[in-house]
Amino acid sequence: MRAAVLEEYGKPLKIVDIDRPRAEGSSVVIKVSGCGICHSDIHLWRGEFSSILPADLPIVPGHEASGVVVDVGDNVPPDIYPGLKVLVYWSYCEQDDRYSEVGMYQHCSMKAPAGFLLYNGCYAEYMLVPHYRYLVPAEGLEDLSSAAILSCAGATAYNAVKRAVSHGVGEDEYIAIVGLGGLGVLAFQLARRLTGSRIVGVDVRREAVEKALEVLEPFEGDSIVDASRSDPRRSILEATGGKDVKVVLDFVGSRGSIETYMDLLAPRGLYVIVGLGSAYGPSIPVHHMVIRELTISSVFYGSIHDLRSVVDLARRKVINYRGFTTKITLDRVNEAIENLHRGRVVGRQVIEF
């Protein structure tokens, strides 16, 4: 099969022929339909995860996968069968613990995530999934290749929005979505569906704002702020009528974004960091946090239950996941990685097989 292989950090991936995987035991092989190019893939490519997830190079990157089951092991139950359309929950757990028991495989102590460690990812025509429990049926979804973005971006956005729900944000309060890329656009839709609150989306890239306006069709009371044209804090306060926001979901996670938007939080507000924009952010504003009783939280991916919930919402056409995907061929993977690294991408790029 054809695959894009990372042999050395920071170097272009090589497109080569490698052996097609075979299923045995509880494992499954899928024929990849779509593979999203996630910003985490850029961190992997640059070697920025080497201290916490030392990849076994060479490796096939890619973890945001959709596809069709083509081969199953002897221990796979009959409801997982060749021809079944699926999404892949990519954070595999090598040894069960209290987190895996509740479907939070992303937090188990012995992780081996697809495309990062031990297992090849979806920058390939076929992909081995080590256990059938990591598959979520995708029957009924339109555009299976575009639906690949739900397996990472969708589940992560859903988990972030759940933090807002659990924090008790009300219908007359505001949630700010910082960064209107793939995750931010999904979170915008999920937040207005799951909370009933008023949503303000903001991005410093004019083209991202224009695409978000095209895809989202904001409800009455929602706003999208072009931070390239004005001071973002002033613009957000204008959009909220001068009210502070109750929750900030930061899908950028840079020092600049945290310093800019934390000041907008209302007393007892919640700041959720999702993006990995910088390894070290600003100093903790202790006085500001204590006086206002602010909470800082973070999100890493979501549970497999979150992924199932997102797939259900997409199946019922509650969220639009197709309007901001750009499809490419495997031959263009290095161009796509470079464009994402340079900030030239609006929405989400998907390798379509």
Protein backbone atom coordinates (compact mmCIF):
# COMPACT_ATOMS: atom_id res chain seq x y z
CA MET A 1 0.00 0.00 0.00
CA ARG A 2 1.04 3.62 -0.47
CA ALA A 3 1.85 5.57 2.68
CA ALA A 4 3.51 8.82 3.73
CA VAL A 5 6.29 7.98 6.19
CA LEU A 6 8.05 10.24 8.70
CA GLU A 7 11.67 9.09 8.84
CA GLU A 8 13.30 12.14 10.44
CA TYR A 9 11.87 15.06 12.41
CA GLY A 10 11.50 18.24 10.39
CA LYS A 11 12.14 16.53 7.06
CA PRO A 12 9.57 15.96 4.29
CA LEU A 13 7.54 12.77 4.55
CA LYS A 14 8.43 10.10 2.00
CA ILE A 15 5.65 8.51 -0.02
CA VAL A 16 6.56 4.86 -0.39
CA ASP A 17 5.07 1.40 -0.72
CA ILE A 18 4.90 -0.56 2.54
CA ASP A 19 3.26 -3.82 3.56
CA ARG A 20 -0.48 -3.71 4.04
CA PRO A 21 -1.44 -4.64 7.63
CA ARG A 22 -3.38 -7.78 8.50
CA ALA A 23 -5.95 -8.22 11.27
CA GLU A 24 -5.71 -10.89 13.94
CA GLY A 25 -7.22 -11.44 17.36
CA SER A 26 -9.26 -8.37 18.34
CA SER A 27 -7.74 -6.06 15.71
CA VAL A 28 -9.35 -4.62 12.59
CA VAL A 29 -8.00 -3.22 9.32
CA ILE A 30 -9.82 -0.35 7.64
CA LYS A 31 -9.49 1.00 4.14
CA VAL A 32 -8.97 4.70 4.81
CA SER A 33 -11.53 7.03 3.26
CA GLY A 34 -10.31 10.27 4.81
CA CYS A 35 -7.46 11.33 7.07
CA GLY A 36 -7.52 14.79 8.60
CA ILE A 37 -4.30 16.74 8.98
CA CYS A 38 -4.32 17.92 12.59
CA HIS A 39 -2.09 20.55 14.16
CA SER A 40 -0.82 17.80 16.47
CA ASP A 41 0.71 16.23 13.36
CA ILE A 42 2.77 19.40 12.96
CA HIS A 43 4.05 19.10 16.53
CA LEU A 44 4.95 15.46 15.81
CA TRP A 45 6.68 16.36 12.54
CA ARG A 46 8.75 19.06 14.27
CA GLY A 47 9.77 16.69 17.07
CA GLU A 48 8.01 18.74 19.74
CA PHE A 49 6.41 15.66 21.32
CA SER A 50 9.65 13.68 21.49
CA SER A 51 10.05 14.19 25.26
CA ILE A 52 6.53 12.97 26.13
CA LEU A 53 5.66 10.77 23.13
CA PRO A 54 8.95 9.56 21.65
CA ALA A 55 7.81 8.22 18.28
CA ASP A 56 9.28 5.01 16.93
CA LEU A 57 10.61 6.41 13.66
CA PRO A 58 9.99 5.65 10.90
CA ILE A 59 6.23 5.92 11.40
CA VAL A 60 3.15 6.71 9.32
CA PRO A 61 1.56 9.81 10.93
CA GLY A 62 -2.11 10.71 11.00
CA HIS A 63 -4.76 9.95 13.59
CA GLU A 64 -7.98 11.61 12.37
CA ALA A 65 -9.39 8.72 10.35
CA SER A 66 -12.54 7.50 8.68
CA GLY A 67 -12.86 4.41 6.56
CA VAL A 68 -14.45 1.07 5.78
CA VAL A 69 -13.69 -2.18 7.57
CA VAL A 70 -11.99 -4.68 5.24
CA ASP A 71 -10.43 -7.28 7.56
CA VAL A 72 -11.25 -8.47 11.09
CA GLY A 73 -9.51 -10.76 13.57
CA ASP A 74 -10.98 -13.96 14.97
CA ASN A 75 -12.08 -12.28 18.23
CA VAL A 76 -13.99 -9.41 16.64
CA PRO A 77 -17.78 -9.59 17.26
CA PRO A 78 -20.23 -9.84 14.35
CA ASP A 79 -21.42 -6.22 14.64
CA ILE A 80 -18.00 -5.15 13.32
CA TYR A 81 -17.89 -6.58 9.81
CA PRO A 82 -16.28 -5.95 6.41
CA GLY A 83 -18.06 -3.12 4.66
CA LEU A 84 -18.97 -1.24 7.86
CA LYS A 85 -18.25 2.51 7.70
CA VAL A 86 -16.41 3.72 10.79
CA LEU A 87 -14.49 6.50 12.49
CA VAL A 88 -11.39 5.66 14.52
CA TYR A 89 -10.89 6.71 18.12
CA TRP A 90 -7.14 7.14 17.87
CA SER A 91 -5.88 7.24 21.48
CA TYR A 92 -5.25 3.56 22.05
CA CYS A 93 -4.66 2.20 25.55
CA GLU A 94 -2.20 -0.67 25.91
CA GLN A 95 -3.18 -1.58 29.47
CA ASP A 96 -6.60 -1.02 31.00
CA ASP A 97 -6.96 1.17 34.08
CA ARG A 98 -9.59 3.34 35.76
CA TYR A 99 -9.66 5.74 32.82
CA SER A 100 -10.14 3.12 30.12
CA GLU A 101 -12.96 1.58 32.17
CA VAL A 102 -15.03 4.75 31.58
CA GLY A 103 -14.02 5.26 27.95
CA MET A 104 -11.40 7.93 28.65
CA TYR A 105 -8.66 6.08 26.81
CA GLN A 106 -6.82 9.35 26.16
CA HIS A 107 -5.80 9.46 29.84
CA CYS A 108 -4.76 5.87 30.45
CA SER A 109 -1.25 5.45 31.82
CA MET A 110 0.00 3.32 28.92
CA LYS A 111 -1.05 5.17 25.78
CA ALA A 112 0.01 4.21 22.26
CA PRO A 113 -1.80 6.73 20.04
CA ALA A 114 -2.20 6.06 16.33
CA GLY A 115 0.37 7.81 14.18
CA PHE A 116 2.51 8.75 17.19
CA LEU A 117 3.72 5.66 19.01
CA LEU A 118 3.87 1.95 18.06
CA TYR A 119 0.99 2.04 15.58
CA ASN A 120 1.01 3.55 12.10
CA GLY A 121 -1.60 6.21 11.41
CA CYS A 122 -3.87 7.08 8.52
CA TYR A 123 -1.52 8.78 6.05
CA ALA A 124 -1.87 5.48 4.21
CA GLU A 125 -4.36 3.52 2.16
CA TYR A 126 -5.00 1.02 4.96
CA MET A 127 -4.78 1.33 8.74
CA LEU A 128 -4.53 -1.26 11.50
CA VAL A 129 -6.72 -0.57 14.54
CA PRO A 130 -5.44 -2.76 17.42
CA HIS A 131 -8.87 -3.37 18.98
CA TYR A 132 -12.40 -3.12 17.64
CA ARG A 133 -13.45 -1.08 20.69
CA TYR A 134 -11.80 1.97 19.10
CA LEU A 135 -14.23 1.98 16.18
CA VAL A 136 -17.37 4.14 16.09
CA PRO A 137 -19.91 3.21 13.39
CA ALA A 138 -20.39 6.01 10.87
CA GLU A 139 -23.32 4.66 8.89
CA GLY A 140 -25.67 7.45 7.85
CA LEU A 141 -23.00 10.15 7.70
CA GLU A 142 -22.79 12.08 4.47
CA ASP A 143 -19.31 12.39 2.98
CA LEU A 144 -17.33 9.78 4.90
CA SER A 145 -13.94 11.28 4.01
CA SER A 146 -14.85 14.72 5.41
CA ALA A 147 -16.32 13.05 8.51
CA ALA A 148 -12.76 12.03 9.46
CA ILE A 149 -12.37 15.40 11.19
CA LEU A 150 -14.99 14.39 13.74
CA SER A 151 -12.71 11.69 15.13
CA CYS A 152 -10.31 14.24 16.64
CA ALA A 153 -11.48 17.81 16.09
CA GLY A 154 -15.11 16.91 16.74
CA ALA A 155 -14.52 14.94 19.94
CA THR A 156 -12.11 17.55 21.29
CA ALA A 157 -14.51 20.43 20.61
CA TYR A 158 -17.35 18.49 22.22
CA ASN A 159 -15.30 17.88 25.37
CA ALA A 160 -14.40 21.58 25.56
CA VAL A 161 -18.03 22.64 25.26
CA LYS A 162 -18.98 20.15 27.98
CA ARG A 163 -16.68 22.10 30.30
CA ALA A 164 -18.78 25.19 29.65
CA VAL A 165 -21.97 23.24 30.32
CA SER A 166 -20.63 21.85 33.61
CA HIS A 167 -19.56 25.35 34.65
CA GLY A 168 -23.18 26.41 34.56
CA VAL A 169 -23.13 29.01 31.78
CA GLY A 170 -26.61 30.46 31.38
CA GLU A 171 -28.77 31.50 28.44
CA ASP A 172 -28.15 35.20 29.07
CA GLU A 173 -24.37 34.73 29.38
CA TYR A 174 -21.60 34.66 26.78
CA ILE A 175 -19.10 32.08 25.60
CA ALA A 176 -16.09 33.28 23.59
CA ILE A 177 -14.58 30.91 21.03
CA VAL A 178 -10.97 31.93 20.31
CA GLY A 179 -9.68 30.62 16.98
CA LEU A 180 -12.07 29.78 14.15
CA GLY A 181 -10.20 26.90 12.59
CA GLY A 182 -11.65 23.40 12.38
CA LEU A 183 -12.07 22.94 16.14
CA GLY A 184 -13.35 26.45 16.74
CA VAL A 185 -16.02 26.23 14.05
CA LEU A 186 -17.23 22.90 15.42
CA ALA A 187 -17.19 24.25 18.99
CA PHE A 188 -19.20 27.30 17.93
CA GLN A 189 -21.94 25.06 16.58
CA LEU A 190 -21.84 22.70 19.54
CA ALA A 191 -21.89 25.53 22.09
CA ARG A 192 -25.00 27.15 20.72
CA ARG A 193 -26.76 23.78 20.53
CA LEU A 194 -25.73 22.41 23.93
CA THR A 195 -25.76 25.53 26.10
CA GLY A 196 -28.32 27.96 24.67
CA SER A 197 -25.85 30.73 25.56
CA ARG A 198 -24.79 33.55 23.29
CA ILE A 199 -21.62 32.79 21.36
CA VAL A 200 -18.86 35.16 20.23
CA GLY A 201 -16.27 33.73 17.85
CA VAL A 202 -13.00 35.58 17.24
CA ASP A 203 -10.00 35.11 14.96
CA VAL A 204 -7.07 37.30 13.89
CA ARG A 205 -7.18 35.86 10.35
CA ARG A 206 -9.62 37.66 8.08
CA GLU A 207 -9.98 34.65 5.77
CA ALA A 208 -10.90 32.42 8.74
CA VAL A 209 -13.58 34.89 9.80
CA GLU A 210 -15.00 35.01 6.28
CA LYS A 211 -15.13 31.21 6.10
CA ALA A 212 -16.74 30.98 9.53
CA LEU A 213 -19.44 33.45 8.47
CA GLU A 214 -20.10 31.32 5.41
CA VAL A 215 -20.36 28.05 7.36
CA LEU A 216 -21.95 29.08 10.64
CA GLU A 217 -24.83 31.39 9.78
CA PRO A 218 -24.87 32.83 13.34
CA PHE A 219 -28.09 32.84 15.34
CA GLU A 220 -29.58 36.05 16.65
CA GLY A 221 -27.38 37.17 19.55
CA ASP A 222 -24.29 35.36 18.25
CA SER A 223 -21.34 37.31 16.86
CA ILE A 224 -18.16 36.69 14.89
CA VAL A 225 -15.34 39.16 15.46
CA ASP A 226 -12.61 39.95 12.94
CA ALA A 227 -9.68 40.69 15.23
CA SER A 228 -7.48 41.63 12.28
CA ARG A 229 -9.32 44.92 11.89
CA SER A 230 -9.78 46.08 15.48
CA ASP A 231 -8.79 45.51 19.07
CA PRO A 232 -10.30 42.08 19.89
CA ARG A 233 -11.19 42.92 23.49
CA ARG A 234 -13.00 46.10 22.52
CA SER A 235 -14.80 44.31 19.68
CA ILE A 236 -15.94 41.48 21.94
CA LEU A 237 -17.22 43.91 24.57
CA GLU A 238 -19.12 45.74 21.85
CA ALA A 239 -20.64 42.42 20.74
CA THR A 240 -21.70 41.59 24.31
CA GLY A 241 -23.02 45.05 25.10
CA GLY A 242 -20.24 45.59 27.62
CA LYS A 243 -20.78 42.32 29.52
CA ASP A 244 -17.85 40.10 30.47
CA VAL A 245 -17.89 36.56 29.13
CA LYS A 246 -18.56 33.60 31.41
CA VAL A 247 -16.43 31.07 29.51
CA VAL A 248 -13.52 31.33 27.07
CA LEU A 249 -12.68 28.30 24.92
CA ASP A 250 -9.19 28.98 23.57
CA PHE A 251 -8.35 26.84 20.53
CA VAL A 252 -5.11 28.78 19.95
CA GLY A 253 -3.45 28.43 23.35
CA SER A 254 -0.65 30.89 22.68
CA ARG A 255 0.81 33.33 25.18
CA GLY A 256 -0.79 36.17 23.25
CA SER A 257 -4.27 34.64 23.16
CA ILE A 258 -4.25 33.80 26.88
CA GLU A 259 -3.04 37.29 27.86
CA THR A 260 -5.62 38.91 25.59
CA TYR A 261 -8.76 37.01 26.44
CA MET A 262 -8.40 36.10 30.10
CA ASP A 263 -9.04 39.73 30.98
CA LEU A 264 -12.52 39.40 29.47
CA LEU A 265 -13.69 36.78 31.95
CA ALA A 266 -16.49 37.65 34.34
CA PRO A 267 -16.06 36.89 38.04
CA ARG A 268 -16.10 33.11 38.60
CA GLY A 269 -15.49 32.63 34.90
CA LEU A 270 -13.82 29.65 33.23
CA TYR A 271 -10.87 29.72 30.80
CA VAL A 272 -10.39 26.45 28.87
CA ILE A 273 -7.09 25.99 27.01
CA VAL A 274 -7.34 23.54 24.11
CA GLY A 275 -4.76 24.73 21.57
CA LEU A 276 -1.06 23.99 21.91
CA GLY A 277 0.08 27.39 20.66
CA SER A 278 3.09 27.57 22.95
CA ALA A 279 4.88 25.29 25.37
CA TYR A 280 4.94 27.98 28.05
CA GLY A 281 2.32 30.67 28.33
CA PRO A 282 2.23 33.87 30.41
CA SER A 283 2.86 34.03 34.12
CA ILE A 284 -0.22 33.13 36.14
CA PRO A 285 -2.08 36.36 37.03
CA VAL A 286 -2.59 35.33 40.65
CA HIS A 287 -4.14 38.58 41.92
CA HIS A 288 -6.56 38.78 38.98
CA MET A 289 -7.54 35.13 39.41
CA VAL A 290 -8.08 35.31 43.16
CA ILE A 291 -10.02 38.57 43.13
CA ARG A 292 -12.35 37.28 40.40
CA GLU A 293 -12.30 33.62 41.47
CA LEU A 294 -11.37 32.50 37.97
CA THR A 295 -10.81 28.91 36.93
CA ILE A 296 -8.29 27.74 34.34
CA SER A 297 -8.89 24.34 32.79
CA SER A 298 -7.59 22.39 29.80
CA VAL A 299 -8.80 19.75 27.38
CA PHE A 300 -6.93 16.91 25.72
CA TYR A 301 -9.08 15.17 23.13
CA GLY A 302 -12.34 13.61 24.37
CA SER A 303 -13.66 10.25 25.51
CA ILE A 304 -14.99 7.65 23.11
CA HIS A 305 -18.44 8.58 24.42
CA ASP A 306 -17.80 12.17 23.25
CA LEU A 307 -16.96 10.87 19.78
CA ARG A 308 -20.15 8.82 19.64
CA SER A 309 -22.17 11.89 20.68
CA VAL A 310 -20.57 14.03 17.97
CA VAL A 311 -21.23 11.38 15.32
CA ASP A 312 -24.88 11.26 16.39
CA LEU A 313 -25.18 15.06 16.10
CA ALA A 314 -23.55 14.99 12.67
CA ARG A 315 -25.80 12.16 11.53
CA ARG A 316 -28.82 14.25 12.53
CA LYS A 317 -27.27 17.24 10.67
CA VAL A 318 -27.14 19.31 13.85
CA ILE A 319 -23.56 20.31 13.01
CA ASN A 320 -21.93 21.11 9.68
CA TYR A 321 -18.60 19.32 9.28
CA ARG A 322 -18.41 19.39 5.49
CA GLY A 323 -18.38 23.12 4.80
CA PHE A 324 -14.84 23.84 5.97
CA THR A 325 -12.86 20.81 4.74
CA THR A 326 -10.37 20.97 1.89
CA LYS A 327 -9.63 17.63 0.26
CA ILE A 328 -6.18 16.75 -1.04
CA THR A 329 -4.42 13.66 -2.38
CA LEU A 330 -1.68 11.81 -0.53
CA ASP A 331 0.88 13.18 -3.00
CA ARG A 332 0.27 16.69 -1.62
CA VAL A 333 0.76 15.80 2.04
CA ASN A 334 4.05 17.70 2.47
CA GLU A 335 2.55 20.81 0.88
CA ALA A 336 -0.43 20.51 3.23
CA ILE A 337 1.80 20.14 6.30
CA GLU A 338 3.86 23.17 5.28
CA ASN A 339 0.74 25.27 4.69
CA LEU A 340 -0.68 24.35 8.09
CA HIS A 341 2.67 25.05 9.75
CA ARG A 342 2.80 28.50 8.10
CA GLY A 343 -0.77 29.39 9.09
CA ARG A 344 -2.07 29.38 5.53
CA VAL A 345 -4.91 26.92 6.10
CA VAL A 346 -8.53 27.89 6.71
CA GLY A 347 -10.63 25.05 8.09
CA ARG A 348 -9.39 21.49 7.99
CA GLN A 349 -7.39 19.63 5.34
CA VAL A 350 -8.34 16.01 4.64
CA ILE A 351 -6.39 13.45 2.65
CA GLU A 352 -9.00 11.63 0.58
CA PHE A 353 -8.28 8.14 -0.69
